[in-house]
C-alpha cells in the first residue's frame, strides 16, 4: 500500500484593519466655464436631494474656490455620484475623505 500525501489547508487571517473596506470617500465637483450657476444648483437639488440653500451654498463653493465636496460615503456610492455628475455635464472626481487619508 502506498502512502498518499496529505495537505493541510489553513484559513488566512487578514490582519489589515477592517476600516479599509469601509473607508470614506468624497465626491468633488469642479468649477467649469460652461454650466450656469442655476443649472449647477438644479443638479445638486435633483441628484442629491439638497434644499435650495444647501445646493446654492455648494454651488458658490465651486464657483469661488474652484471645487466643493458634495457628498461623502463608501467608494462605490461616490463613484456612482461622479458618474451622475458627468452625465449632467459637470466635472467631478472622487478622493479619500480627509480623515481617511
C-alpha atoms as a PDB file:
ATOM      1  CA  UNK A   1       0.000   0.000   0.000  1.00  0.00           C
ATOM      2  CA  UNK A   2       1.445   3.412  -0.985  1.00  0.00           C
ATOM      3  CA  UNK A   3       1.239   6.470   1.194  1.00  0.00           C
ATOM      4  CA  UNK A   4      -0.866   9.308  -0.176  1.00  0.00           C
ATOM      5  CA  UNK A   5       0.494  12.763   0.621  1.00  0.00           C
ATOM      6  CA  UNK A   6      -1.868  14.851   2.678  1.00  0.00           C
ATOM      7  CA  UNK A   7      -2.258  18.588   2.568  1.00  0.00           C
ATOM      8  CA  UNK A   8      -3.468  20.887   5.235  1.00  0.00           C
ATOM      9  CA  UNK A   9      -5.427  23.987   4.372  1.00  0.00           C
ATOM     10  CA  UNK A  10      -5.211  26.907   6.745  1.00  0.00           C
ATOM     11  CA  UNK A  11      -7.530  29.855   6.761  1.00  0.00           C
ATOM     12  CA  UNK A  12      -5.745  33.113   6.033  1.00  0.00           C
ATOM     13  CA  UNK A  13      -6.208  35.649   8.771  1.00  0.00           C
ATOM     14  CA  UNK A  14      -6.361  39.170   7.417  1.00  0.00           C
ATOM     15  CA  UNK A  15      -4.500  41.451   9.784  1.00  0.00           C
ATOM     16  CA  UNK A  16      -5.227  44.640   7.828  1.00  0.00           C
ATOM     17  CA  UNK A  17      -7.621  46.984   9.568  1.00  0.00           C
ATOM     18  CA  UNK A  18     -11.256  46.377   8.677  1.00  0.00           C
ATOM     19  CA  UNK A  19     -11.584  50.131   8.162  1.00  0.00           C
ATOM     20  CA  UNK A  20     -10.047  49.794   4.685  1.00  0.00           C
ATOM     21  CA  UNK A  21     -13.237  48.120   3.450  1.00  0.00           C
ATOM     22  CA  UNK A  22     -15.349  50.929   4.839  1.00  0.00           C
ATOM     23  CA  UNK A  23     -13.124  53.944   4.184  1.00  0.00           C
ATOM     24  CA  UNK A  24     -14.952  57.158   3.439  1.00  0.00           C
ATOM     25  CA  UNK A  25     -14.559  58.866   0.074  1.00  0.00           C
ATOM     26  CA  UNK A  26     -15.706  62.246  -1.251  1.00  0.00           C
ATOM     27  CA  UNK A  27     -17.296  63.335  -4.488  1.00  0.00           C
ATOM     28  CA  UNK A  28     -15.717  66.617  -5.559  1.00  0.00           C
ATOM     29  CA  UNK A  29     -17.344  68.852  -8.183  1.00  0.00           C
ATOM     30  CA  UNK A  30     -15.002  71.224 -10.023  1.00  0.00           C
ATOM     31  CA  UNK A  31     -15.678  74.651 -11.495  1.00  0.00           C
ATOM     32  CA  UNK A  32     -16.098  74.954 -15.234  1.00  0.00           C
ATOM     33  CA  UNK A  33     -16.823  77.874 -17.547  1.00  0.00           C
ATOM     34  CA  UNK A  34     -19.761  76.204 -19.276  1.00  0.00           C
ATOM     35  CA  UNK A  35     -22.556  75.416 -16.810  1.00  0.00           C
ATOM     36  CA  UNK A  36     -24.593  78.206 -15.270  1.00  0.00           C
ATOM     37  CA  UNK A  37     -24.902  78.652 -11.536  1.00  0.00           C
ATOM     38  CA  UNK A  38     -28.635  77.980 -11.708  1.00  0.00           C
ATOM     39  CA  UNK A  39     -28.022  74.742 -13.595  1.00  0.00           C
ATOM     40  CA  UNK A  40     -25.498  73.511 -11.005  1.00  0.00           C
ATOM     41  CA  UNK A  41     -27.922  74.321  -8.174  1.00  0.00           C
ATOM     42  CA  UNK A  42     -30.603  72.353 -10.021  1.00  0.00           C
ATOM     43  CA  UNK A  43     -28.306  69.352 -10.454  1.00  0.00           C
ATOM     44  CA  UNK A  44     -27.414  69.325  -6.744  1.00  0.00           C
ATOM     45  CA  UNK A  45     -31.083  69.551  -5.787  1.00  0.00           C
ATOM     46  CA  UNK A  46     -32.212  66.896  -8.250  1.00  0.00           C
ATOM     47  CA  UNK A  47     -29.442  64.339  -7.715  1.00  0.00           C
ATOM     48  CA  UNK A  48     -28.596  64.757  -4.029  1.00  0.00           C
ATOM     49  CA  UNK A  49     -31.981  65.985  -2.825  1.00  0.00           C
ATOM     50  CA  UNK A  50     -30.459  69.102  -1.253  1.00  0.00           C
ATOM     51  CA  UNK A  51     -32.647  72.053  -0.433  1.00  0.00           C
ATOM     52  CA  UNK A  52     -32.229  75.358  -2.240  1.00  0.00           C
ATOM     53  CA  UNK A  53     -29.979  76.833   0.459  1.00  0.00           C
ATOM     54  CA  UNK A  54     -27.591  73.848   0.665  1.00  0.00           C
ATOM     55  CA  UNK A  55     -27.408  73.461  -3.118  1.00  0.00           C
ATOM     56  CA  UNK A  56     -26.702  77.176  -3.562  1.00  0.00           C
ATOM     57  CA  UNK A  57     -24.028  77.114  -0.845  1.00  0.00           C
ATOM     58  CA  UNK A  58     -22.240  74.205  -2.564  1.00  0.00           C
ATOM     59  CA  UNK A  59     -22.525  75.895  -5.954  1.00  0.00           C
ATOM     60  CA  UNK A  60     -20.920  79.041  -4.513  1.00  0.00           C
ATOM     61  CA  UNK A  61     -18.062  76.962  -3.090  1.00  0.00           C
ATOM     62  CA  UNK A  62     -17.488  75.516  -6.557  1.00  0.00           C
ATOM     63  CA  UNK A  63     -17.659  78.981  -8.130  1.00  0.00           C
ATOM     64  CA  UNK A  64     -15.461  80.783  -5.597  1.00  0.00           C
ATOM     65  CA  UNK A  65     -12.995  78.035  -4.573  1.00  0.00           C
ATOM     66  CA  UNK A  66     -12.886  76.057  -7.794  1.00  0.00           C
ATOM     67  CA  UNK A  67     -14.264  72.926  -6.103  1.00  0.00           C
ATOM     68  CA  UNK A  68     -16.651  71.623  -3.464  1.00  0.00           C
ATOM     69  CA  UNK A  69     -17.157  68.300  -1.736  1.00  0.00           C
ATOM     70  CA  UNK A  70     -20.776  67.472  -2.492  1.00  0.00           C
ATOM     71  CA  UNK A  71     -21.093  64.010  -0.931  1.00  0.00           C
ATOM     72  CA  UNK A  72     -19.185  61.617   1.303  1.00  0.00           C
ATOM     73  CA  UNK A  73     -19.589  57.875   1.730  1.00  0.00           C
ATOM     74  CA  UNK A  74     -18.416  54.479   0.575  1.00  0.00           C
ATOM     75  CA  UNK A  75     -16.341  54.416  -2.598  1.00  0.00           C
ATOM     76  CA  UNK A  76     -18.945  52.632  -4.721  1.00  0.00           C
ATOM     77  CA  UNK A  77     -21.580  55.247  -3.889  1.00  0.00           C
ATOM     78  CA  UNK A  78     -19.160  58.090  -4.627  1.00  0.00           C
ATOM     79  CA  UNK A  79     -18.252  56.511  -7.972  1.00  0.00           C
ATOM     80  CA  UNK A  80     -21.956  56.464  -8.807  1.00  0.00           C
ATOM     81  CA  UNK A  81     -22.264  60.142  -7.819  1.00  0.00           C
ATOM     82  CA  UNK A  82     -19.272  61.060 -10.007  1.00  0.00           C
ATOM     83  CA  UNK A  83     -20.820  59.165 -12.908  1.00  0.00           C
ATOM     84  CA  UNK A  84     -24.086  61.022 -12.351  1.00  0.00           C
ATOM     85  CA  UNK A  85     -22.315  64.403 -12.255  1.00  0.00           C
ATOM     86  CA  UNK A  86     -20.602  63.538 -15.537  1.00  0.00           C
ATOM     87  CA  UNK A  87     -23.976  62.638 -17.049  1.00  0.00           C
ATOM     88  CA  UNK A  88     -25.164  66.145 -16.118  1.00  0.00           C
ATOM     89  CA  UNK A  89     -22.095  67.627 -17.797  1.00  0.00           C
ATOM     90  CA  UNK A  90     -20.279  68.589 -14.589  1.00  0.00           C
ATOM     91  CA  UNK A  91     -16.626  67.891 -13.857  1.00  0.00           C
ATOM     92  CA  UNK A  92     -16.318  65.612 -10.816  1.00  0.00           C
ATOM     93  CA  UNK A  93     -13.817  63.262  -9.198  1.00  0.00           C
ATOM     94  CA  UNK A  94     -13.560  61.128  -6.076  1.00  0.00           C
ATOM     95  CA  UNK A  95     -10.882  61.339  -3.425  1.00  0.00           C
ATOM     96  CA  UNK A  96     -10.351  59.863   0.026  1.00  0.00           C
ATOM     97  CA  UNK A  97     -12.158  61.764   2.767  1.00  0.00           C
ATOM     98  CA  UNK A  98      -9.742  63.940   4.767  1.00  0.00           C
ATOM     99  CA  UNK A  99      -9.988  61.746   7.884  1.00  0.00           C
ATOM    100  CA  UNK A 100      -9.406  58.600   5.791  1.00  0.00           C
ATOM    101  CA  UNK A 101      -6.025  59.674   4.425  1.00  0.00           C
END
